[in-house]
Structure formats: structure tokens, C-alpha cells
């Protein structure tokens, strides 16, 4: 993990692709706030509407993210929440090499089955080569809470290590959902500010 606390992107962010998670939607939690804040700064933003978010199917979700992402570049950043994290990582892992991505921000991310959500075991049966993917991504950040009822801190910490990513811990933020009182997430916007 990178020990840096001051993150400043080295390249200008032009486009952001936001990937929601399980039982969510583009208009849930902090996604609309982030979309509006980025669009107000002139950034292109896509919040991917994932099919059947209450019963996720791997191929359908990956196809939706792949279609929205297209060919990434140094000006593109992917922001993914919860189950959207492994979905985004799998889409990136499937890209023909070489490719590059300006940044990746994973909020409450995980790649392995969770005790609290056994219904997702099938979706999570196949891991992703996070270490290989990390080599094509300029800036990587994992954001987690210390009170997440679904994703244990050690799981997000492990993902940050595998990605050699900066780790941010937000005390008391739960799973970063509206139900947790999280309808804005300024830390993500700060990560996306161009230098």
C-alpha cells in the first residue's frame, strides 16, 4: 500500500465511469451527487445502470460496464462501489493489452465471498488478477469504513495491498450508503480534482 496521504492526480481527468453495487442504482447513495459535482466541473460522467441489481449476473454486469467504459485512457477514472469493484476489475482484466487507466477509486470494495452476503457467493466464485490489472492504472485508491456491516476492514485492506493502492479509512461511514447517512462523498471528488 502506498503511504501517501496527499493525492494529486498527475493527469487531467476527462471522463469518469461510476459503477454501483448490489441492490443499488445510478440514482442511489452518493452517485447522483458525485455525477452532478463532476459535470459542474465539465467532466464527462457515466453512471452505469447495471441490470437486475437485486440478482446480479456476472456476464450481464460485466457487459454493461464494458460498454460504458469502452477503451480507457490516461484521462479516464473508474469509481466503483461494493460489488461494482470486482465487476470493474474483471472488465479491466479482460481488456486487450496494452491499455491504461488514469485512476481507479474503489469504495467498500472486495473480491472474495463475504460472510454477511452469502447470496453473492456465486458471483464471487472467480477472483480477479488485481496485481496484473494494477500495473496499467496510474493512480489507485481504496476507501473503506471501520463500521462496514458487510465488508470487514481486512477484506478492503487486502484489496488495497493487492492493488498497491492508497488506503483511506472513513470512520463511522458504514457501507457508504444513504442508509448510513452517506449521500455525498467529498473524498472521492477530492481524488478526482485535476492538478
N, C-alpha and C. Protein backbone atom coordinates (compact mmCIF):
# COMPACT_ATOMS: atom_id res chain seq x y z
N UNK A 1 0.84 -1.18 0.00
CA UNK A 1 0.00 0.00 0.00
C UNK A 1 0.88 1.24 0.00
N UNK A 2 0.42 2.25 -0.69
CA UNK A 2 1.15 3.50 -0.68
C UNK A 2 0.85 4.23 0.63
N UNK A 3 1.86 4.81 1.21
CA UNK A 3 1.68 5.51 2.48
C UNK A 3 1.33 6.97 2.28
N UNK A 4 1.22 7.40 1.04
CA UNK A 4 0.96 8.82 0.79
C UNK A 4 -0.42 9.22 1.26
N UNK A 5 -0.49 10.41 1.82
CA UNK A 5 -1.79 10.92 2.24
C UNK A 5 -2.25 12.04 1.31
N UNK A 6 -1.30 12.70 0.66
CA UNK A 6 -1.66 13.74 -0.30
C UNK A 6 -1.70 13.15 -1.69
N UNK A 7 -2.90 13.09 -2.24
CA UNK A 7 -3.06 12.52 -3.57
C UNK A 7 -3.35 13.66 -4.52
N UNK A 8 -2.57 13.79 -5.54
CA UNK A 8 -2.86 14.75 -6.60
C UNK A 8 -2.68 14.03 -7.92
N UNK A 9 -3.73 13.98 -8.73
CA UNK A 9 -3.61 13.27 -9.99
C UNK A 9 -2.52 13.89 -10.87
N UNK A 10 -1.81 13.04 -11.56
CA UNK A 10 -0.74 13.53 -12.41
C UNK A 10 -1.26 13.91 -13.79
N UNK A 11 -2.45 13.48 -14.12
CA UNK A 11 -3.04 13.78 -15.41
C UNK A 11 -4.43 14.35 -15.22
N UNK A 12 -4.88 15.06 -16.22
CA UNK A 12 -6.20 15.68 -16.14
C UNK A 12 -7.31 14.64 -16.34
N UNK A 13 -8.25 14.62 -15.41
CA UNK A 13 -9.39 13.72 -15.52
C UNK A 13 -10.39 14.30 -16.50
N UNK A 14 -10.71 13.55 -17.54
CA UNK A 14 -11.67 13.99 -18.55
C UNK A 14 -13.00 13.26 -18.44
N UNK A 15 -12.93 12.00 -18.01
CA UNK A 15 -14.11 11.13 -18.03
C UNK A 15 -14.11 10.23 -16.81
N UNK A 16 -15.29 10.11 -16.19
CA UNK A 16 -15.43 9.27 -15.01
C UNK A 16 -16.57 8.27 -15.25
N UNK A 17 -16.28 7.01 -14.98
CA UNK A 17 -17.29 5.96 -15.08
C UNK A 17 -17.56 5.47 -13.66
N UNK A 18 -18.83 5.58 -13.23
CA UNK A 18 -19.22 5.20 -11.88
C UNK A 18 -20.00 3.90 -11.95
N UNK A 19 -19.58 2.92 -11.15
CA UNK A 19 -20.19 1.60 -11.15
C UNK A 19 -20.79 1.34 -9.77
N UNK A 20 -22.12 1.23 -9.71
CA UNK A 20 -22.77 0.99 -8.43
C UNK A 20 -22.67 -0.49 -8.04
N UNK A 21 -23.23 -0.82 -6.90
CA UNK A 21 -23.12 -2.18 -6.39
C UNK A 21 -24.44 -2.90 -6.28
N UNK A 22 -24.41 -3.93 -5.49
CA UNK A 22 -25.55 -4.82 -5.24
C UNK A 22 -26.72 -4.04 -4.64
N UNK A 23 -27.91 -4.29 -5.15
CA UNK A 23 -29.15 -3.68 -4.68
C UNK A 23 -29.11 -2.16 -4.74
N UNK A 24 -28.36 -1.62 -5.68
CA UNK A 24 -28.26 -0.17 -5.83
C UNK A 24 -28.70 0.23 -7.23
N UNK A 25 -28.53 1.51 -7.54
CA UNK A 25 -28.92 2.05 -8.84
C UNK A 25 -28.16 3.35 -9.06
N UNK A 26 -28.14 3.86 -10.30
CA UNK A 26 -27.43 5.11 -10.57
C UNK A 26 -27.92 6.30 -9.73
N UNK A 27 -29.18 6.26 -9.29
CA UNK A 27 -29.70 7.38 -8.51
C UNK A 27 -29.66 7.14 -7.00
N UNK A 28 -28.88 6.15 -6.56
CA UNK A 28 -28.81 5.80 -5.13
C UNK A 28 -27.56 6.41 -4.47
N UNK A 29 -27.62 6.45 -3.14
CA UNK A 29 -26.47 6.80 -2.30
C UNK A 29 -25.84 8.14 -2.70
N UNK A 30 -24.54 8.16 -2.99
CA UNK A 30 -23.80 9.39 -3.31
C UNK A 30 -23.51 9.52 -4.81
N UNK A 31 -24.02 8.60 -5.59
CA UNK A 31 -23.71 8.62 -7.03
C UNK A 31 -24.27 9.87 -7.74
N UNK A 32 -25.54 10.27 -7.51
CA UNK A 32 -26.04 11.47 -8.20
C UNK A 32 -25.27 12.73 -7.78
N UNK A 33 -24.92 12.82 -6.50
CA UNK A 33 -24.16 13.97 -6.03
C UNK A 33 -22.81 14.05 -6.74
N UNK A 34 -22.10 12.91 -6.83
CA UNK A 34 -20.80 12.90 -7.49
C UNK A 34 -20.94 13.23 -8.97
N UNK A 35 -21.93 12.65 -9.62
CA UNK A 35 -22.16 12.93 -11.03
C UNK A 35 -22.39 14.42 -11.25
N UNK A 36 -23.26 15.03 -10.46
CA UNK A 36 -23.56 16.46 -10.62
C UNK A 36 -22.33 17.32 -10.35
N UNK A 37 -21.56 16.97 -9.30
CA UNK A 37 -20.37 17.74 -8.95
C UNK A 37 -19.33 17.68 -10.07
N UNK A 38 -19.15 16.51 -10.66
CA UNK A 38 -18.17 16.36 -11.74
C UNK A 38 -18.65 17.04 -13.02
N UNK A 39 -19.93 16.91 -13.33
CA UNK A 39 -20.45 17.56 -14.53
C UNK A 39 -20.36 19.08 -14.42
N UNK A 40 -20.54 19.60 -13.20
CA UNK A 40 -20.41 21.04 -12.99
C UNK A 40 -18.99 21.51 -13.27
N UNK A 41 -18.03 20.60 -13.20
CA UNK A 41 -16.63 20.93 -13.50
C UNK A 41 -16.26 20.58 -14.94
N UNK A 42 -17.27 20.22 -15.74
CA UNK A 42 -17.04 19.94 -17.14
C UNK A 42 -16.53 18.56 -17.47
N UNK A 43 -16.63 17.64 -16.52
CA UNK A 43 -16.16 16.27 -16.76
C UNK A 43 -17.28 15.43 -17.37
N UNK A 44 -16.92 14.52 -18.23
CA UNK A 44 -17.87 13.55 -18.77
C UNK A 44 -18.10 12.46 -17.73
N UNK A 45 -19.35 12.17 -17.42
CA UNK A 45 -19.65 11.19 -16.38
C UNK A 45 -20.69 10.20 -16.88
N UNK A 46 -20.43 8.92 -16.64
CA UNK A 46 -21.41 7.87 -16.91
C UNK A 46 -21.61 7.09 -15.62
N UNK A 47 -22.86 7.02 -15.16
CA UNK A 47 -23.17 6.13 -14.04
C UNK A 47 -23.83 4.92 -14.67
N UNK A 48 -23.16 3.79 -14.62
CA UNK A 48 -23.59 2.60 -15.35
C UNK A 48 -24.85 2.00 -14.70
N UNK A 49 -25.95 1.89 -15.44
CA UNK A 49 -27.12 1.19 -14.90
C UNK A 49 -26.93 -0.31 -15.06
N UNK A 50 -26.71 -1.00 -13.96
CA UNK A 50 -26.46 -2.44 -14.03
C UNK A 50 -27.77 -3.20 -14.01
N UNK A 51 -27.90 -4.21 -14.88
CA UNK A 51 -29.15 -4.97 -14.96
C UNK A 51 -29.39 -5.82 -13.72
N UNK A 52 -30.64 -5.91 -13.31
CA UNK A 52 -31.06 -6.75 -12.18
C UNK A 52 -30.14 -6.58 -10.97
N UNK A 53 -30.05 -5.37 -10.40
CA UNK A 53 -29.11 -5.15 -9.30
C UNK A 53 -29.43 -5.96 -8.04
N UNK A 54 -30.66 -6.47 -7.93
CA UNK A 54 -31.01 -7.29 -6.77
C UNK A 54 -30.66 -8.77 -6.98
N UNK A 55 -30.35 -9.13 -8.23
CA UNK A 55 -29.96 -10.51 -8.55
C UNK A 55 -28.87 -10.45 -9.61
N UNK A 56 -27.68 -9.96 -9.25
CA UNK A 56 -26.63 -9.73 -10.23
C UNK A 56 -26.17 -10.99 -10.95
N UNK A 57 -25.99 -10.84 -12.24
CA UNK A 57 -25.49 -11.93 -13.08
C UNK A 57 -24.17 -11.45 -13.68
N UNK A 58 -23.14 -12.20 -13.48
CA UNK A 58 -21.79 -11.77 -13.82
C UNK A 58 -21.65 -11.24 -15.24
N UNK A 59 -22.02 -12.02 -16.23
CA UNK A 59 -21.83 -11.60 -17.62
C UNK A 59 -22.62 -10.33 -17.94
N UNK A 60 -23.84 -10.23 -17.45
CA UNK A 60 -24.67 -9.05 -17.73
C UNK A 60 -24.05 -7.80 -17.12
N UNK A 61 -23.57 -7.91 -15.89
CA UNK A 61 -22.95 -6.75 -15.25
C UNK A 61 -21.65 -6.36 -15.96
N UNK A 62 -20.84 -7.36 -16.26
CA UNK A 62 -19.56 -7.05 -16.93
C UNK A 62 -19.79 -6.46 -18.31
N UNK A 63 -20.79 -6.95 -19.04
CA UNK A 63 -21.09 -6.39 -20.35
C UNK A 63 -21.52 -4.94 -20.25
N UNK A 64 -22.33 -4.61 -19.24
CA UNK A 64 -22.80 -3.24 -19.06
C UNK A 64 -21.64 -2.30 -18.74
N UNK A 65 -20.74 -2.74 -17.86
CA UNK A 65 -19.59 -1.90 -17.50
C UNK A 65 -18.64 -1.77 -18.69
N UNK A 66 -18.42 -2.86 -19.41
CA UNK A 66 -17.54 -2.83 -20.57
C UNK A 66 -18.06 -1.86 -21.64
N UNK A 67 -19.37 -1.89 -21.88
CA UNK A 67 -19.97 -1.00 -22.88
C UNK A 67 -19.81 0.46 -22.46
N UNK A 68 -19.97 0.74 -21.17
CA UNK A 68 -19.84 2.12 -20.69
C UNK A 68 -18.39 2.59 -20.69
N UNK A 69 -17.48 1.70 -20.36
CA UNK A 69 -16.06 2.07 -20.27
C UNK A 69 -15.43 2.23 -21.64
N UNK A 70 -15.73 1.34 -22.56
CA UNK A 70 -15.09 1.39 -23.87
C UNK A 70 -13.60 1.20 -23.73
N UNK A 71 -12.84 2.04 -24.41
CA UNK A 71 -11.38 1.97 -24.34
C UNK A 71 -10.91 3.02 -23.34
N UNK A 72 -10.38 2.61 -22.20
CA UNK A 72 -9.93 3.59 -21.22
C UNK A 72 -8.63 4.25 -21.65
N UNK A 73 -8.33 5.38 -21.03
CA UNK A 73 -7.08 6.09 -21.31
C UNK A 73 -6.64 6.84 -20.06
N UNK A 74 -5.58 7.60 -20.19
CA UNK A 74 -5.00 8.30 -19.04
C UNK A 74 -5.95 9.35 -18.47
N UNK A 75 -6.94 9.79 -19.22
CA UNK A 75 -7.90 10.78 -18.74
C UNK A 75 -9.16 10.18 -18.16
N UNK A 76 -9.21 8.85 -18.08
CA UNK A 76 -10.40 8.15 -17.58
C UNK A 76 -10.15 7.63 -16.17
N UNK A 77 -11.17 7.78 -15.32
CA UNK A 77 -11.13 7.24 -13.96
C UNK A 77 -12.39 6.41 -13.74
N UNK A 78 -12.23 5.25 -13.13
CA UNK A 78 -13.36 4.41 -12.75
C UNK A 78 -13.55 4.53 -11.24
N UNK A 79 -14.78 4.82 -10.83
CA UNK A 79 -15.16 4.85 -9.42
C UNK A 79 -16.18 3.73 -9.23
N UNK A 80 -15.90 2.79 -8.34
CA UNK A 80 -16.81 1.65 -8.15
C UNK A 80 -17.10 1.45 -6.68
N UNK A 81 -18.34 1.07 -6.39
CA UNK A 81 -18.77 0.85 -5.01
C UNK A 81 -19.14 -0.61 -4.82
N UNK A 82 -18.67 -1.20 -3.73
CA UNK A 82 -19.12 -2.51 -3.28
C UNK A 82 -18.92 -3.58 -4.35
N UNK A 83 -19.98 -4.27 -4.76
CA UNK A 83 -19.87 -5.34 -5.77
C UNK A 83 -19.43 -4.78 -7.12
N UNK A 84 -19.61 -3.48 -7.32
CA UNK A 84 -19.12 -2.85 -8.54
C UNK A 84 -17.61 -2.90 -8.65
N UNK A 85 -16.91 -3.04 -7.52
CA UNK A 85 -15.45 -3.05 -7.55
C UNK A 85 -14.91 -4.27 -8.29
N UNK A 86 -15.34 -5.47 -7.91
CA UNK A 86 -14.83 -6.66 -8.61
C UNK A 86 -15.33 -6.68 -10.04
N UNK A 87 -16.51 -6.13 -10.28
CA UNK A 87 -17.04 -6.08 -11.64
C UNK A 87 -16.12 -5.21 -12.50
N UNK A 88 -15.77 -4.04 -12.01
CA UNK A 88 -14.88 -3.14 -12.76
C UNK A 88 -13.51 -3.78 -12.96
N UNK A 89 -12.98 -4.41 -11.92
CA UNK A 89 -11.67 -5.05 -12.04
C UNK A 89 -11.68 -6.17 -13.08
N UNK A 90 -12.76 -6.95 -13.11
CA UNK A 90 -12.85 -8.03 -14.11
C UNK A 90 -12.91 -7.47 -15.53
N UNK A 91 -13.64 -6.38 -15.70
CA UNK A 91 -13.72 -5.75 -17.04
C UNK A 91 -12.34 -5.25 -17.45
N UNK A 92 -11.63 -4.62 -16.54
CA UNK A 92 -10.28 -4.14 -16.85
C UNK A 92 -9.35 -5.31 -17.16
N UNK A 93 -9.46 -6.39 -16.40
CA UNK A 93 -8.60 -7.56 -16.62
C UNK A 93 -8.83 -8.21 -17.97
N UNK A 94 -10.03 -8.03 -18.53
CA UNK A 94 -10.37 -8.65 -19.82
C UNK A 94 -9.96 -7.79 -21.01
N UNK A 95 -9.50 -6.56 -20.77
CA UNK A 95 -9.11 -5.68 -21.87
C UNK A 95 -7.87 -6.22 -22.58
N UNK A 96 -7.84 -6.08 -23.90
CA UNK A 96 -6.61 -6.47 -24.62
C UNK A 96 -5.48 -5.51 -24.25
N UNK A 97 -4.34 -6.07 -23.95
CA UNK A 97 -3.19 -5.24 -23.57
C UNK A 97 -2.45 -4.77 -24.81
N UNK A 98 -1.79 -3.60 -24.75
CA UNK A 98 -1.68 -2.73 -23.58
C UNK A 98 -2.87 -1.78 -23.48
N UNK A 99 -3.18 -1.38 -22.27
CA UNK A 99 -4.20 -0.37 -22.01
C UNK A 99 -3.76 0.42 -20.80
N UNK A 100 -4.36 1.59 -20.62
CA UNK A 100 -4.05 2.36 -19.42
C UNK A 100 -5.31 3.04 -18.92
N UNK A 101 -5.32 3.27 -17.62
CA UNK A 101 -6.42 3.94 -16.95
C UNK A 101 -5.81 4.98 -16.03
N UNK A 102 -6.35 6.20 -16.07
CA UNK A 102 -5.80 7.27 -15.26
C UNK A 102 -5.96 7.03 -13.77
N UNK A 103 -7.10 6.45 -13.37
CA UNK A 103 -7.31 6.23 -11.95
C UNK A 103 -8.42 5.25 -11.67
N UNK A 104 -8.35 4.66 -10.48
CA UNK A 104 -9.36 3.71 -10.01
C UNK A 104 -9.62 4.02 -8.54
N UNK A 105 -10.89 4.25 -8.20
CA UNK A 105 -11.29 4.51 -6.81
C UNK A 105 -12.33 3.45 -6.45
N UNK A 106 -11.99 2.61 -5.49
CA UNK A 106 -12.90 1.54 -5.06
C UNK A 106 -13.39 1.85 -3.64
N UNK A 107 -14.70 1.99 -3.51
CA UNK A 107 -15.31 2.33 -2.22
C UNK A 107 -15.98 1.08 -1.66
N UNK A 108 -15.57 0.66 -0.46
CA UNK A 108 -16.09 -0.56 0.17
C UNK A 108 -15.93 -1.75 -0.78
N UNK A 109 -14.78 -1.82 -1.41
CA UNK A 109 -14.53 -2.85 -2.41
C UNK A 109 -14.09 -4.18 -1.80
N UNK A 110 -14.35 -5.23 -2.56
CA UNK A 110 -13.96 -6.58 -2.14
C UNK A 110 -13.94 -7.47 -3.38
N UNK A 111 -13.25 -8.60 -3.28
CA UNK A 111 -13.20 -9.52 -4.41
C UNK A 111 -13.48 -10.95 -4.00
N UNK A 112 -13.69 -11.17 -2.71
CA UNK A 112 -13.90 -12.54 -2.23
C UNK A 112 -15.25 -12.65 -1.54
N UNK A 113 -15.80 -13.87 -1.42
CA UNK A 113 -17.09 -14.05 -0.75
C UNK A 113 -17.10 -13.44 0.65
N UNK A 114 -18.29 -12.92 1.01
CA UNK A 114 -18.47 -12.27 2.30
C UNK A 114 -19.43 -13.07 3.16
N UNK A 115 -19.07 -13.23 4.41
CA UNK A 115 -19.93 -13.97 5.34
C UNK A 115 -21.31 -13.32 5.46
N UNK A 116 -21.35 -11.99 5.40
CA UNK A 116 -22.61 -11.26 5.57
C UNK A 116 -23.52 -11.33 4.33
N UNK A 117 -22.97 -11.69 3.18
CA UNK A 117 -23.75 -11.72 1.94
C UNK A 117 -23.53 -13.04 1.19
N UNK A 118 -23.94 -14.17 1.77
CA UNK A 118 -23.70 -15.46 1.12
C UNK A 118 -24.41 -15.59 -0.23
N UNK A 119 -25.45 -14.80 -0.44
CA UNK A 119 -26.16 -14.86 -1.72
C UNK A 119 -25.29 -14.41 -2.90
N UNK A 120 -24.16 -13.77 -2.61
CA UNK A 120 -23.26 -13.33 -3.68
C UNK A 120 -22.11 -14.31 -3.93
N UNK A 121 -22.10 -15.44 -3.23
CA UNK A 121 -21.00 -16.40 -3.38
C UNK A 121 -20.79 -16.84 -4.82
N UNK A 122 -21.87 -17.06 -5.55
CA UNK A 122 -21.75 -17.47 -6.94
C UNK A 122 -21.09 -16.41 -7.80
N UNK A 123 -21.49 -15.16 -7.57
CA UNK A 123 -20.90 -14.04 -8.32
C UNK A 123 -19.41 -13.91 -8.02
N UNK A 124 -19.04 -14.24 -6.80
CA UNK A 124 -17.66 -14.05 -6.34
C UNK A 124 -16.82 -15.32 -6.42
N UNK A 125 -17.34 -16.34 -7.08
CA UNK A 125 -16.63 -17.62 -7.14
C UNK A 125 -15.30 -17.51 -7.87
N UNK A 126 -15.19 -16.58 -8.80
CA UNK A 126 -13.95 -16.39 -9.55
C UNK A 126 -13.31 -15.08 -9.14
N UNK A 127 -12.06 -15.14 -8.70
CA UNK A 127 -11.33 -13.93 -8.30
C UNK A 127 -10.83 -13.22 -9.56
N UNK A 128 -10.09 -12.15 -9.37
CA UNK A 128 -9.53 -11.38 -10.47
C UNK A 128 -8.04 -11.15 -10.18
N UNK A 129 -7.24 -11.06 -11.22
CA UNK A 129 -5.80 -10.83 -11.06
C UNK A 129 -5.56 -9.34 -10.82
N UNK A 130 -5.85 -8.90 -9.59
CA UNK A 130 -5.75 -7.48 -9.26
C UNK A 130 -4.33 -6.96 -9.43
N UNK A 131 -3.35 -7.77 -9.10
CA UNK A 131 -1.96 -7.34 -9.20
C UNK A 131 -1.59 -7.00 -10.64
N UNK A 132 -2.03 -7.81 -11.58
CA UNK A 132 -1.72 -7.55 -13.00
C UNK A 132 -2.45 -6.31 -13.48
N UNK A 133 -3.71 -6.17 -13.09
CA UNK A 133 -4.51 -5.01 -13.50
C UNK A 133 -3.88 -3.72 -12.98
N UNK A 134 -3.38 -3.76 -11.76
CA UNK A 134 -2.82 -2.55 -11.13
C UNK A 134 -1.70 -1.93 -11.96
N UNK A 135 -0.95 -2.76 -12.66
CA UNK A 135 0.16 -2.26 -13.45
C UNK A 135 -0.22 -1.32 -14.57
N UNK A 136 -1.49 -1.33 -14.98
CA UNK A 136 -1.95 -0.47 -16.08
C UNK A 136 -2.74 0.74 -15.58
N UNK A 137 -2.82 0.92 -14.25
CA UNK A 137 -3.62 2.00 -13.68
C UNK A 137 -2.69 2.98 -12.96
N UNK A 138 -2.74 4.24 -13.40
CA UNK A 138 -1.80 5.24 -12.86
C UNK A 138 -2.00 5.48 -11.37
N UNK A 139 -3.22 5.72 -10.94
CA UNK A 139 -3.50 6.03 -9.53
C UNK A 139 -4.58 5.09 -9.02
N UNK A 140 -4.35 4.50 -7.83
CA UNK A 140 -5.30 3.54 -7.27
C UNK A 140 -5.58 3.88 -5.82
N UNK A 141 -6.86 3.94 -5.47
CA UNK A 141 -7.26 4.24 -4.09
C UNK A 141 -8.38 3.32 -3.67
N UNK A 142 -8.28 2.80 -2.45
CA UNK A 142 -9.35 2.01 -1.84
C UNK A 142 -9.84 2.80 -0.62
N UNK A 143 -11.14 3.01 -0.56
CA UNK A 143 -11.77 3.72 0.55
C UNK A 143 -12.63 2.73 1.32
N UNK A 144 -12.45 2.71 2.64
CA UNK A 144 -13.27 1.82 3.46
C UNK A 144 -13.67 2.53 4.75
N UNK A 145 -14.61 1.94 5.44
CA UNK A 145 -15.04 2.42 6.74
C UNK A 145 -14.57 1.45 7.82
N UNK A 146 -14.66 1.87 9.06
CA UNK A 146 -14.36 0.97 10.16
C UNK A 146 -15.64 0.37 10.74
N UNK A 147 -16.79 0.71 10.13
CA UNK A 147 -18.08 0.23 10.64
C UNK A 147 -18.92 -0.42 9.53
N UNK A 148 -18.26 -0.97 8.53
CA UNK A 148 -18.98 -1.59 7.42
C UNK A 148 -19.59 -2.91 7.88
N UNK A 149 -20.93 -3.05 7.82
CA UNK A 149 -21.55 -4.28 8.30
C UNK A 149 -21.42 -5.45 7.33
N UNK A 150 -21.00 -5.17 6.10
CA UNK A 150 -20.92 -6.21 5.07
C UNK A 150 -19.49 -6.61 4.73
N UNK A 151 -18.61 -5.62 4.62
CA UNK A 151 -17.23 -5.85 4.17
C UNK A 151 -16.28 -5.61 5.34
N UNK A 152 -15.71 -6.66 5.91
CA UNK A 152 -14.76 -6.48 7.02
C UNK A 152 -13.57 -5.63 6.59
N UNK A 153 -13.04 -4.79 7.47
CA UNK A 153 -11.91 -3.95 7.12
C UNK A 153 -10.75 -4.72 6.48
N UNK A 154 -10.46 -5.92 7.00
CA UNK A 154 -9.34 -6.70 6.48
C UNK A 154 -9.51 -7.05 5.01
N UNK A 155 -10.76 -7.18 4.56
CA UNK A 155 -11.02 -7.54 3.16
C UNK A 155 -10.66 -6.37 2.25
N UNK A 156 -11.08 -5.16 2.62
CA UNK A 156 -10.71 -3.98 1.82
C UNK A 156 -9.22 -3.70 1.92
N UNK A 157 -8.65 -3.91 3.10
CA UNK A 157 -7.20 -3.72 3.26
C UNK A 157 -6.42 -4.66 2.35
N UNK A 158 -6.88 -5.90 2.24
CA UNK A 158 -6.23 -6.88 1.38
C UNK A 158 -6.31 -6.44 -0.08
N UNK A 159 -7.46 -5.92 -0.48
CA UNK A 159 -7.61 -5.44 -1.87
C UNK A 159 -6.66 -4.28 -2.13
N UNK A 160 -6.54 -3.37 -1.16
CA UNK A 160 -5.60 -2.25 -1.33
C UNK A 160 -4.17 -2.75 -1.49
N UNK A 161 -3.79 -3.75 -0.72
CA UNK A 161 -2.44 -4.32 -0.83
C UNK A 161 -2.23 -4.95 -2.20
N UNK A 162 -3.23 -5.72 -2.64
CA UNK A 162 -3.10 -6.39 -3.94
C UNK A 162 -2.96 -5.39 -5.09
N UNK A 163 -3.61 -4.24 -4.94
CA UNK A 163 -3.56 -3.21 -5.98
C UNK A 163 -2.41 -2.22 -5.77
N UNK A 164 -1.67 -2.37 -4.67
CA UNK A 164 -0.67 -1.38 -4.27
C UNK A 164 -1.30 0.00 -4.29
N UNK A 165 -2.45 0.10 -3.63
CA UNK A 165 -3.27 1.31 -3.66
C UNK A 165 -3.16 2.10 -2.38
N UNK A 166 -3.43 3.39 -2.49
CA UNK A 166 -3.59 4.23 -1.32
C UNK A 166 -4.84 3.75 -0.59
N UNK A 167 -4.80 3.71 0.73
CA UNK A 167 -5.96 3.31 1.53
C UNK A 167 -6.44 4.49 2.35
N UNK A 168 -7.75 4.77 2.25
CA UNK A 168 -8.37 5.79 3.09
C UNK A 168 -9.39 5.11 3.99
N UNK A 169 -9.36 5.43 5.27
CA UNK A 169 -10.34 4.90 6.21
C UNK A 169 -11.24 6.05 6.68
N UNK A 170 -12.54 5.88 6.50
CA UNK A 170 -13.51 6.88 6.90
C UNK A 170 -14.30 6.35 8.09
N UNK A 171 -14.01 6.81 9.29
CA UNK A 171 -14.67 6.29 10.48
C UNK A 171 -16.19 6.50 10.44
N UNK A 172 -16.92 5.46 10.83
CA UNK A 172 -18.36 5.56 11.00
C UNK A 172 -19.18 5.68 9.74
N UNK A 173 -18.61 5.38 8.57
CA UNK A 173 -19.33 5.57 7.31
C UNK A 173 -20.12 4.33 6.88
N UNK A 174 -20.08 3.26 7.68
CA UNK A 174 -20.83 2.05 7.32
C UNK A 174 -20.40 1.51 5.97
N UNK A 175 -21.38 1.20 5.13
CA UNK A 175 -21.10 0.68 3.79
C UNK A 175 -21.21 1.79 2.74
N UNK A 176 -21.12 3.03 3.18
CA UNK A 176 -21.18 4.20 2.30
C UNK A 176 -22.49 4.25 1.51
N UNK A 177 -23.58 4.00 2.21
CA UNK A 177 -24.91 4.02 1.59
C UNK A 177 -25.72 5.16 2.19
N UNK A 178 -26.81 5.52 1.51
CA UNK A 178 -27.70 6.55 2.02
C UNK A 178 -28.22 6.17 3.40
N UNK A 179 -28.47 4.87 3.61
CA UNK A 179 -28.95 4.40 4.91
C UNK A 179 -27.94 4.66 6.02
N UNK A 180 -26.68 4.81 5.64
CA UNK A 180 -25.62 5.10 6.59
C UNK A 180 -25.42 6.61 6.74
N UNK A 181 -26.26 7.38 6.05
CA UNK A 181 -26.12 8.83 6.07
C UNK A 181 -25.13 9.36 5.05
N UNK A 182 -24.68 8.51 4.13
CA UNK A 182 -23.68 8.92 3.14
C UNK A 182 -24.38 9.21 1.81
N UNK A 183 -24.67 10.48 1.58
CA UNK A 183 -25.28 10.91 0.31
C UNK A 183 -24.34 11.83 -0.46
N UNK A 184 -23.22 12.18 0.16
CA UNK A 184 -22.12 12.87 -0.50
C UNK A 184 -20.84 12.16 -0.08
N UNK A 185 -19.84 12.25 -0.93
CA UNK A 185 -18.56 11.61 -0.59
C UNK A 185 -17.43 12.52 -1.12
N UNK A 186 -17.21 13.64 -0.42
CA UNK A 186 -16.22 14.62 -0.88
C UNK A 186 -14.83 14.03 -1.09
N UNK A 187 -14.47 12.99 -0.36
CA UNK A 187 -13.14 12.41 -0.52
C UNK A 187 -12.93 11.89 -1.94
N UNK A 188 -13.98 11.35 -2.55
CA UNK A 188 -13.85 10.88 -3.93
C UNK A 188 -13.68 12.05 -4.88
N UNK A 189 -14.45 13.09 -4.66
CA UNK A 189 -14.32 14.29 -5.51
C UNK A 189 -12.91 14.86 -5.39
N UNK A 190 -12.37 14.88 -4.18
CA UNK A 190 -11.00 15.38 -3.99
C UNK A 190 -9.99 14.56 -4.80
N UNK A 191 -10.20 13.26 -4.85
CA UNK A 191 -9.29 12.39 -5.62
C UNK A 191 -9.35 12.68 -7.11
N UNK A 192 -10.49 13.19 -7.56
CA UNK A 192 -10.69 13.40 -9.00
C UNK A 192 -10.35 14.82 -9.44
N UNK A 193 -9.96 15.67 -8.52
CA UNK A 193 -9.60 17.03 -8.89
C UNK A 193 -8.31 17.02 -9.68
N UNK A 194 -8.33 17.71 -10.78
CA UNK A 194 -7.10 17.79 -11.60
C UNK A 194 -6.12 18.74 -10.96
N UNK A 195 -4.85 18.43 -11.15
CA UNK A 195 -3.81 19.31 -10.59
C UNK A 195 -3.67 20.55 -11.46
